[in-house]
Protein backbone atom coordinates (compact mmCIF):
# COMPACT_ATOMS: atom_id res chain seq x y z
CA MET A 1 7.60 -26.39 -45.92
CA GLU A 2 5.76 -27.76 -42.49
CA TYR A 3 7.49 -24.64 -40.93
CA GLN A 4 5.78 -22.12 -43.51
CA ILE A 5 2.52 -23.93 -43.31
CA TYR A 6 2.46 -23.48 -39.58
CA LEU A 7 3.56 -19.82 -40.00
CA LEU A 8 0.35 -19.41 -42.65
CA LYS A 9 -2.05 -20.80 -40.20
CA ILE A 10 -0.76 -18.53 -37.30
CA LEU A 11 -1.45 -15.86 -40.09
CA ILE A 12 -4.57 -16.96 -40.62
CA LEU A 13 -5.53 -17.14 -37.04
CA SER A 14 -4.43 -13.65 -36.49
CA ILE A 15 -6.46 -12.18 -39.33
CA SER A 16 -9.38 -14.13 -38.06
CA LEU A 17 -8.95 -12.94 -34.36
CA SER A 18 -8.52 -9.43 -35.68
CA LEU A 19 -11.93 -9.53 -37.34
CA PHE A 20 -13.51 -10.84 -34.45
CA ALA A 21 -11.77 -8.04 -32.55
CA GLN A 22 -13.41 -5.54 -34.80
CA GLU A 23 -17.10 -6.69 -34.29
CA ILE A 24 -16.25 -6.59 -30.46
CA ASP A 25 -18.43 -3.82 -28.00
CA ILE A 26 -15.97 -3.53 -25.46
CA SER A 27 -18.15 -1.47 -23.32
CA SER A 28 -20.98 -4.05 -23.69
CA ILE A 29 -18.42 -6.63 -22.39
CA SER A 30 -17.51 -4.53 -19.88
CA LYS A 31 -20.80 -3.93 -18.73
CA LYS A 32 -21.69 -7.55 -18.59
CA ILE A 33 -18.53 -8.71 -16.53
CA TYR A 34 -18.84 -5.87 -14.36
CA GLN A 35 -22.53 -7.18 -13.33
CA ASN A 36 -20.96 -10.73 -13.34
CA GLU A 37 -18.13 -10.05 -10.92
CA CYS A 38 -19.46 -7.38 -8.99
CA SER A 39 -23.09 -7.03 -9.56
CA SER A 40 -22.82 -3.60 -10.97
CA ASN A 41 -21.68 -2.58 -7.48
CA PRO A 42 -18.82 -0.28 -7.17
CA LYS A 43 -18.29 -2.01 -3.57
CA TYR A 44 -17.01 -5.39 -4.88
CA LEU A 45 -14.49 -3.49 -7.31
CA VAL A 46 -12.11 -4.13 -4.16
CA HIS A 47 -12.93 -7.49 -2.77
CA TRP A 48 -11.35 -9.81 -0.35
CA ASN A 49 -13.05 -13.36 -0.21
CA ARG A 50 -13.14 -14.83 3.35
CA GLY A 51 -10.79 -17.82 3.39
CA GLU A 52 -8.71 -16.29 0.89
CA ASN A 53 -5.25 -15.18 1.41
CA PHE A 54 -5.36 -12.06 -1.45
CA PRO A 55 -7.63 -9.36 -2.60
CA SER A 56 -9.45 -9.65 -6.34
CA LEU A 57 -9.91 -6.17 -7.75
CA GLY A 58 -11.62 -4.67 -10.85
CA ILE A 59 -14.55 -5.90 -12.92
CA GLY A 60 -12.70 -9.00 -13.70
CA HIS A 61 -11.77 -9.77 -10.05
CA PHE A 62 -8.06 -9.50 -10.69
CA ILE A 63 -5.99 -11.56 -7.88
CA TRP A 64 -3.03 -9.50 -6.05
CA TYR A 65 -0.88 -11.21 -3.81
CA PRO A 66 0.40 -9.78 -0.51
CA LYS A 67 4.26 -10.12 0.39
CA GLY A 68 5.18 -13.69 0.94
CA VAL A 69 1.88 -14.97 -0.67
CA HIS A 70 2.10 -17.52 -3.33
CA GLU A 71 -0.62 -19.54 -4.61
CA ARG A 72 -1.47 -21.80 -7.38
CA PHE A 73 -3.84 -19.10 -9.34
CA ASP A 74 -2.47 -16.59 -12.18
CA GLU A 75 -1.62 -13.32 -10.30
CA SER A 76 -3.21 -11.03 -12.80
CA PHE A 77 -3.50 -7.54 -11.11
CA PRO A 78 0.22 -6.68 -11.50
CA THR A 79 -0.20 -7.61 -15.33
CA LEU A 80 -3.10 -5.14 -15.66
CA ILE A 81 -1.39 -2.56 -14.19
CA GLN A 82 1.53 -3.00 -16.51
CA ASP A 83 -0.54 -3.12 -19.32
CA MET A 84 -2.23 0.35 -18.18
CA GLN A 85 0.91 2.00 -18.31
CA ASN A 86 1.75 0.53 -21.89
CA ARG A 87 -1.59 2.33 -22.92
CA GLY A 88 -0.41 5.53 -21.24
CA VAL A 89 -3.00 5.32 -18.28
CA LYS A 90 -1.72 7.22 -15.30
CA THR A 91 -1.67 4.67 -12.18
CA PRO A 92 -0.86 5.21 -8.65
CA LEU A 93 2.57 4.54 -7.91
CA TRP A 94 1.60 1.96 -4.91
CA LEU A 95 -0.22 -0.28 -7.69
CA THR A 96 3.12 -1.21 -9.13
CA LYS A 97 4.27 -3.12 -5.93
CA GLU A 98 2.92 -5.97 -4.07
CA ALA A 99 -0.61 -5.80 -2.28
CA PRO A 100 -0.30 -3.50 0.71
CA TRP A 101 -2.25 -5.29 2.91
CA GLN A 102 -1.33 -9.15 4.41
CA ASN A 103 -5.05 -9.80 5.27
CA ARG A 104 -8.76 -8.91 4.49
CA ALA A 105 -8.86 -6.83 8.06
CA GLU A 106 -5.79 -4.46 7.06
CA MET A 107 -7.53 -3.75 3.67
CA ILE A 108 -10.89 -3.21 5.09
CA HIS A 109 -9.45 -0.47 7.58
CA ASP A 110 -7.46 1.27 4.91
CA LYS A 111 -10.68 3.15 4.00
CA GLN A 112 -8.96 6.27 2.00
CA ARG A 113 -6.59 3.67 -0.22
CA VAL A 114 -9.43 1.54 -0.97
CA GLU A 115 -11.61 4.19 -2.03
CA ASP A 116 -9.13 5.72 -4.05
CA LEU A 117 -8.17 2.14 -5.71
CA ARG A 118 -12.04 1.56 -6.33
CA LYS A 119 -12.81 4.92 -7.94
CA PHE A 120 -9.62 4.52 -10.14
CA LEU A 121 -11.30 1.07 -10.96
CA ILE A 122 -14.50 2.68 -11.76
CA ASP A 123 -13.04 5.02 -14.43
CA THR A 124 -10.98 2.47 -15.93
CA LYS A 125 -13.59 -0.46 -16.34
CA ASP A 126 -13.53 -0.19 -20.60
CA ILE A 127 -9.51 -0.41 -20.37
CA GLN A 128 -9.93 -3.44 -18.16
CA ALA A 129 -12.08 -5.12 -20.62
CA SER A 130 -9.72 -4.43 -23.69
CA PHE A 131 -6.72 -5.90 -21.57
CA MET A 132 -9.13 -9.37 -21.09
CA GLN A 133 -9.65 -9.51 -24.71
CA GLN A 134 -5.86 -9.38 -25.41
CA ARG A 135 -5.39 -11.89 -22.69
CA LEU A 136 -7.98 -14.01 -24.96
CA ASP A 137 -6.39 -13.01 -27.96
CA ASN A 138 -2.62 -14.08 -26.54
CA TRP A 139 -4.16 -16.96 -25.18
CA ILE A 140 -5.57 -18.94 -28.18
CA ALA A 141 -2.34 -18.25 -30.20
CA LYS A 142 -0.34 -20.41 -27.68
CA ILE A 143 -2.99 -23.44 -28.28
CA ASP A 144 -1.94 -26.59 -29.64
CA SER A 145 -4.98 -28.52 -29.48
CA LYS A 146 -6.85 -28.89 -32.47
CA ILE A 147 -10.19 -29.79 -30.74
CA ALA A 148 -10.14 -26.38 -28.59
CA LYS A 149 -9.03 -24.22 -31.47
CA ARG A 150 -12.24 -25.41 -33.30
CA ASN A 151 -14.63 -25.13 -30.63
CA PHE A 152 -12.94 -21.58 -29.76
CA ILE A 153 -14.23 -20.44 -33.56
CA LYS A 154 -17.72 -22.29 -32.87
CA VAL A 155 -18.32 -20.51 -29.51
CA SER A 156 -16.67 -16.98 -31.31
CA ASN A 157 -19.25 -17.17 -34.03
CA GLU A 158 -22.17 -17.24 -31.77
CA LYS A 159 -23.87 -13.90 -30.56
CA MET A 160 -21.93 -12.68 -27.78
CA GLY A 161 -19.74 -15.63 -27.70
CA TYR A 162 -16.52 -13.94 -27.57
CA TYR A 163 -17.84 -12.12 -24.55
CA LEU A 164 -18.14 -15.88 -23.10
CA LEU A 165 -14.62 -16.43 -24.13
CA ILE A 166 -13.45 -13.56 -22.45
CA ASP A 167 -15.02 -14.30 -19.06
CA TYR A 168 -14.41 -17.67 -18.60
CA LEU A 169 -11.06 -17.06 -19.04
CA ASN A 170 -10.99 -14.30 -16.79
CA PHE A 171 -13.14 -16.19 -14.23
CA LYS A 172 -11.40 -19.60 -14.29
CA GLY A 173 -8.11 -19.52 -15.91
CA SER A 174 -6.36 -20.50 -19.11
CA GLY A 175 -6.15 -24.30 -18.44
CA LEU A 176 -2.59 -24.25 -19.12
CA LYS A 177 -0.96 -23.94 -15.70
CA LYS A 178 -0.28 -27.31 -13.88
CA SER A 179 -0.44 -25.82 -10.90
CA GLU A 180 -4.34 -24.56 -11.46
CA ARG A 181 -5.31 -28.48 -10.96
CA TYR A 182 -6.70 -30.32 -8.03
CA LYS A 183 -5.59 -34.02 -8.73
CA ASN A 184 -4.35 -33.38 -11.98
CA GLN A 185 -7.48 -32.18 -13.22
CA GLY A 186 -7.72 -28.51 -14.52
CA TRP A 187 -11.21 -26.58 -14.70
CA GLY A 188 -10.07 -23.94 -17.16
CA LEU A 189 -10.92 -22.62 -20.77
CA LEU A 190 -8.70 -25.10 -22.61
CA GLN A 191 -10.13 -28.19 -20.42
CA VAL A 192 -13.61 -26.77 -21.06
CA LEU A 193 -13.54 -26.28 -25.30
CA GLU A 194 -11.79 -29.78 -25.07
CA CYS A 195 -14.63 -31.02 -23.14
CA MET A 196 -17.22 -29.95 -25.65
CA LYS A 197 -18.92 -32.83 -27.91
CA SER A 198 -21.40 -31.26 -30.05
CA THR A 199 -20.88 -28.02 -31.61
CA LEU A 200 -24.86 -27.82 -32.78
CA TYR A 201 -25.33 -25.57 -29.91
CA PRO A 202 -21.74 -24.20 -28.64
CA LYS A 203 -23.04 -22.02 -25.87
CA ILE A 204 -24.98 -24.65 -24.19
CA GLU A 205 -22.34 -27.33 -24.67
CA PHE A 206 -19.74 -24.80 -23.27
CA ALA A 207 -21.77 -24.02 -20.27
CA LYS A 208 -22.70 -27.71 -19.81
CA CYS A 209 -18.86 -28.62 -19.86
CA ALA A 210 -17.91 -25.48 -17.60
CA LYS A 211 -20.51 -26.75 -14.80
CA LYS A 212 -18.78 -30.16 -15.15
CA LEU A 213 -15.32 -29.32 -14.70
CA LEU A 214 -16.23 -26.74 -11.89
CA LYS A 215 -18.23 -29.24 -10.28
CA LEU A 216 -15.52 -31.76 -10.42
CA ARG A 217 -13.08 -28.94 -9.17
CA VAL A 218 -15.11 -28.91 -6.06
CA LYS A 219 -15.10 -32.45 -5.28
CA ASN A 220 -11.20 -32.57 -5.84
CA SER A 221 -10.77 -29.41 -4.00
CA PRO A 222 -8.97 -29.78 -0.34
CA LYS A 223 -11.68 -29.64 2.28
CA SER A 224 -10.41 -26.62 4.04
CA ARG A 225 -10.95 -24.38 1.12
CA GLY A 226 -14.82 -25.12 1.55
CA GLU A 227 -15.13 -24.44 -2.44
CA ASN A 228 -18.79 -26.08 -2.53
CA ARG A 229 -20.19 -22.56 -0.98
CA TRP A 230 -19.04 -21.03 -4.26
CA LEU A 231 -20.39 -23.51 -6.71
CA LYS A 232 -24.19 -22.17 -7.00
CA GLY A 233 -22.58 -18.60 -7.56
CA TRP A 234 -20.31 -19.83 -10.51
CA PHE A 235 -23.27 -21.99 -11.85
CA ASN A 236 -25.25 -18.94 -12.16
CA ARG A 237 -22.60 -16.90 -13.80
CA ILE A 238 -22.04 -19.79 -16.37
CA ASP A 239 -26.12 -19.41 -16.97
CA THR A 240 -25.56 -15.64 -18.52
CA TYR A 241 -23.60 -17.72 -21.55
CA ILE A 242 -26.68 -19.19 -22.98
CA LEU A 243 -29.13 -16.15 -22.07
């Protein structure tokens, strides 16, 4: 009986998510995320932050690790490319392998390949947004936390609430991986939803919790990473959630 109840809950959740998906304007979400991550500038579709060991690509700044690089953050670019291939999108063969650059300087000097990649990413912005939406749907299906599920529904029912959830999952991760934590404290979507105390104004409460956890992340982060330099930009992005 318990198993049947569990299956019923999953079915109801799947139907609810499908209804949300039908109401989503992927192009609008794509434009907002492109604005957030790249300032709507194609230049930043292929980017390598100083102090990081990997490039960040596309409207979601998906991570792509070079050969031999292994970090705590989820490597999302190969999964995006696989999703595109599953959708029948023609992708350059070299995108199915490890990142071809070992450092930022190598990428900057590889002008032709960078320009080709930038054009490919410009042409597939909406597909990238659809991939991010699917990631969110897959994420909520894995969550056991009743608090997180309740607050997920509250936020998603708000105007552009689904955009907020898609963006934050891509922006700061799922919160499920133990490697994406400092001093055992996470900052991902799960932690933000579980942090929410009031749901009277869901988007405002979400933004408040996100800032609180990201501030704690910076405090707990290794000083060598210098994460404090990113905090203002992170907060500016979160402010778009309540506009």
